[in-house]
Amino acid sequence: FRYSFIDSLCRYCRLGSDFSQGFMGLTAPIMRLINTSTLLLHEFSGRDIPLYAIFSHRWEDAEVTFDDLRGGKGPDRAGWRKITGCCSQAARDGWEYVVSCC
């Protein structure tokens, strides 16, 4: 399958992106999305990537990093309320997954 330039940019503007996996090399990107119900991080690739809402916010002190999410330390960070608020709103709007883009 083929990606457009914009599609490639959008798919790589995500939490935990890894440009070494072939940004324009047409390899299947890996998306790490937050489930709006469980607040857990899930990985998807290629055509299995579901539709998702984009959580774009301003970076401040004590934000939740990819490593915090992966290590279960997200709730310990001050920025966790942004994630829970975003996920709550996204779930009310019918979204199952969100991506953090900041």
C-alpha atoms as a PDB file:
ATOM      1  CA  PHE A   1       0.000   0.000   0.000  1.00  0.00           C
ATOM      2  CA  ARG A   2       1.028   3.601  -0.538  1.00  0.00           C
ATOM      3  CA  TYR A   3       1.006   6.597   1.783  1.00  0.00           C
ATOM      4  CA  SER A   4       0.611  10.188   0.748  1.00  0.00           C
ATOM      5  CA  PHE A   5       3.082  12.690   2.182  1.00  0.00           C
ATOM      6  CA  ILE A   6       0.415  14.240   4.449  1.00  0.00           C
ATOM      7  CA  ASP A   7      -0.754  10.808   5.634  1.00  0.00           C
ATOM      8  CA  SER A   8       2.844   9.919   6.485  1.00  0.00           C
ATOM      9  CA  LEU A   9       3.325  13.157   8.405  1.00  0.00           C
ATOM     10  CA  CYS A  10       0.088  12.699  10.337  1.00  0.00           C
ATOM     11  CA  ARG A  11       0.861   9.122  11.227  1.00  0.00           C
ATOM     12  CA  TYR A  12       4.344  10.039  12.458  1.00  0.00           C
ATOM     13  CA  CYS A  13       3.179  13.030  14.525  1.00  0.00           C
ATOM     14  CA  ARG A  14       2.355  10.839  17.484  1.00  0.00           C
ATOM     15  CA  LEU A  15       3.350   9.832  20.953  1.00  0.00           C
ATOM     16  CA  GLY A  16       6.505   7.720  20.900  1.00  0.00           C
ATOM     17  CA  SER A  17       7.141   8.017  17.168  1.00  0.00           C
ATOM     18  CA  ASP A  18      10.241   6.380  15.803  1.00  0.00           C
ATOM     19  CA  PHE A  19      11.437   7.907  12.546  1.00  0.00           C
ATOM     20  CA  SER A  20      14.030   5.154  12.153  1.00  0.00           C
ATOM     21  CA  GLN A  21      11.220   2.769  11.209  1.00  0.00           C
ATOM     22  CA  GLY A  22      11.044   4.277   7.751  1.00  0.00           C
ATOM     23  CA  PHE A  23       9.293   7.642   7.667  1.00  0.00           C
ATOM     24  CA  MET A  24       9.172   7.880   3.869  1.00  0.00           C
ATOM     25  CA  GLY A  25      10.367   4.348   3.207  1.00  0.00           C
ATOM     26  CA  LEU A  26       6.774   3.052   2.978  1.00  0.00           C
ATOM     27  CA  THR A  27       7.166   0.645   5.861  1.00  0.00           C
ATOM     28  CA  ALA A  28       4.054   0.251   7.977  1.00  0.00           C
ATOM     29  CA  PRO A  29       4.048   2.855  10.758  1.00  0.00           C
ATOM     30  CA  ILE A  30       3.393   1.911  14.349  1.00  0.00           C
ATOM     31  CA  MET A  31       0.810   4.003  16.173  1.00  0.00           C
ATOM     32  CA  ARG A  32       0.639   4.109  19.933  1.00  0.00           C
ATOM     33  CA  LEU A  33      -2.856   5.196  20.929  1.00  0.00           C
ATOM     34  CA  ILE A  34      -4.493   5.721  24.317  1.00  0.00           C
ATOM     35  CA  ASN A  35      -7.748   3.838  24.871  1.00  0.00           C
ATOM     36  CA  THR A  36     -10.319   6.362  26.113  1.00  0.00           C
ATOM     37  CA  SER A  37     -11.974   3.839  28.476  1.00  0.00           C
ATOM     38  CA  THR A  38      -9.001   2.068  30.022  1.00  0.00           C
ATOM     39  CA  LEU A  39      -6.391   4.867  29.628  1.00  0.00           C
ATOM     40  CA  LEU A  40      -3.944   2.179  28.503  1.00  0.00           C
ATOM     41  CA  LEU A  41      -1.540   2.501  25.596  1.00  0.00           C
ATOM     42  CA  HIS A  42      -2.153   0.195  22.609  1.00  0.00           C
ATOM     43  CA  GLU A  43       0.030  -0.372  19.532  1.00  0.00           C
ATOM     44  CA  PHE A  44      -1.367  -0.677  16.031  1.00  0.00           C
ATOM     45  CA  SER A  45       0.345  -0.896  12.664  1.00  0.00           C
ATOM     46  CA  GLY A  46      -0.422  -0.619   8.993  1.00  0.00           C
ATOM     47  CA  ARG A  47      -4.042  -0.992   8.016  1.00  0.00           C
ATOM     48  CA  ASP A  48      -5.044  -2.028  11.554  1.00  0.00           C
ATOM     49  CA  ILE A  49      -4.706   1.538  12.845  1.00  0.00           C
ATOM     50  CA  PRO A  50      -8.187   2.620  13.980  1.00  0.00           C
ATOM     51  CA  LEU A  51      -9.638   6.100  13.672  1.00  0.00           C
ATOM     52  CA  TYR A  52      -8.557   8.315  16.575  1.00  0.00           C
ATOM     53  CA  ALA A  53      -8.966  11.777  18.045  1.00  0.00           C
ATOM     54  CA  ILE A  54      -5.909  14.004  18.338  1.00  0.00           C
ATOM     55  CA  PHE A  55      -5.061  15.408  21.760  1.00  0.00           C
ATOM     56  CA  SER A  56      -3.010  18.516  21.087  1.00  0.00           C
ATOM     57  CA  HIS A  57      -1.959  20.587  24.065  1.00  0.00           C
ATOM     58  CA  ARG A  58       0.663  22.956  25.367  1.00  0.00           C
ATOM     59  CA  TRP A  59       3.611  21.351  27.142  1.00  0.00           C
ATOM     60  CA  GLU A  60       3.943  22.465  30.762  1.00  0.00           C
ATOM     61  CA  ASP A  61       5.760  21.197  33.855  1.00  0.00           C
ATOM     62  CA  ALA A  62       5.218  17.575  34.917  1.00  0.00           C
ATOM     63  CA  GLU A  63       3.631  16.385  31.659  1.00  0.00           C
ATOM     64  CA  VAL A  64       3.132  12.665  31.108  1.00  0.00           C
ATOM     65  CA  THR A  65       5.798  11.261  28.789  1.00  0.00           C
ATOM     66  CA  PHE A  66       5.687   8.142  26.651  1.00  0.00           C
ATOM     67  CA  ASP A  67       7.936   6.401  29.194  1.00  0.00           C
ATOM     68  CA  ASP A  68       5.564   7.430  32.012  1.00  0.00           C
ATOM     69  CA  LEU A  69       2.623   5.902  30.149  1.00  0.00           C
ATOM     70  CA  ARG A  70       4.526   2.762  29.284  1.00  0.00           C
ATOM     71  CA  GLY A  71       5.798   2.373  32.842  1.00  0.00           C
ATOM     72  CA  GLY A  72       2.438   2.980  34.531  1.00  0.00           C
ATOM     73  CA  LYS A  73       3.607   6.237  36.123  1.00  0.00           C
ATOM     74  CA  GLY A  74       1.218   8.525  34.233  1.00  0.00           C
ATOM     75  CA  PRO A  75      -1.198   9.006  37.168  1.00  0.00           C
ATOM     76  CA  ASP A  76       1.716  10.232  39.306  1.00  0.00           C
ATOM     77  CA  ARG A  77       2.337  13.227  37.018  1.00  0.00           C
ATOM     78  CA  ALA A  78       0.523  16.570  37.260  1.00  0.00           C
ATOM     79  CA  GLY A  79      -0.281  16.439  33.534  1.00  0.00           C
ATOM     80  CA  TRP A  80      -2.337  13.245  33.988  1.00  0.00           C
ATOM     81  CA  ARG A  81      -5.499  15.325  34.391  1.00  0.00           C
ATOM     82  CA  LYS A  82      -5.088  16.543  30.797  1.00  0.00           C
ATOM     83  CA  ILE A  83      -5.053  12.964  29.562  1.00  0.00           C
ATOM     84  CA  THR A  84      -8.033  11.887  31.664  1.00  0.00           C
ATOM     85  CA  GLY A  85      -9.985  14.978  30.630  1.00  0.00           C
ATOM     86  CA  CYS A  86      -9.178  14.472  26.967  1.00  0.00           C
ATOM     87  CA  CYS A  87     -10.102  10.789  27.106  1.00  0.00           C
ATOM     88  CA  SER A  88     -13.380  11.558  28.896  1.00  0.00           C
ATOM     89  CA  GLN A  89     -14.367  14.116  26.269  1.00  0.00           C
ATOM     90  CA  ALA A  90     -13.250  11.898  23.390  1.00  0.00           C
ATOM     91  CA  ALA A  91     -15.287   8.978  24.792  1.00  0.00           C
ATOM     92  CA  ARG A  92     -18.369  11.241  25.106  1.00  0.00           C
ATOM     93  CA  ASP A  93     -17.820  12.226  21.466  1.00  0.00           C
ATOM     94  CA  GLY A  94     -17.693   8.571  20.401  1.00  0.00           C
ATOM     95  CA  TRP A  95     -13.933   8.042  20.053  1.00  0.00           C
ATOM     96  CA  GLU A  96     -12.327   4.856  21.344  1.00  0.00           C
ATOM     97  CA  TYR A  97      -8.732   6.050  20.956  1.00  0.00           C
ATOM     98  CA  VAL A  98      -6.747   9.275  21.168  1.00  0.00           C
ATOM     99  CA  VAL A  99      -3.209  10.173  20.161  1.00  0.00           C
ATOM    100  CA  SER A 100      -1.169  12.741  22.048  1.00  0.00           C
ATOM    101  CA  CYS A 101       0.428  15.340  19.819  1.00  0.00           C
ATOM    102  CA  CYS A 102       2.219  18.135  21.617  1.00  0.00           C
END
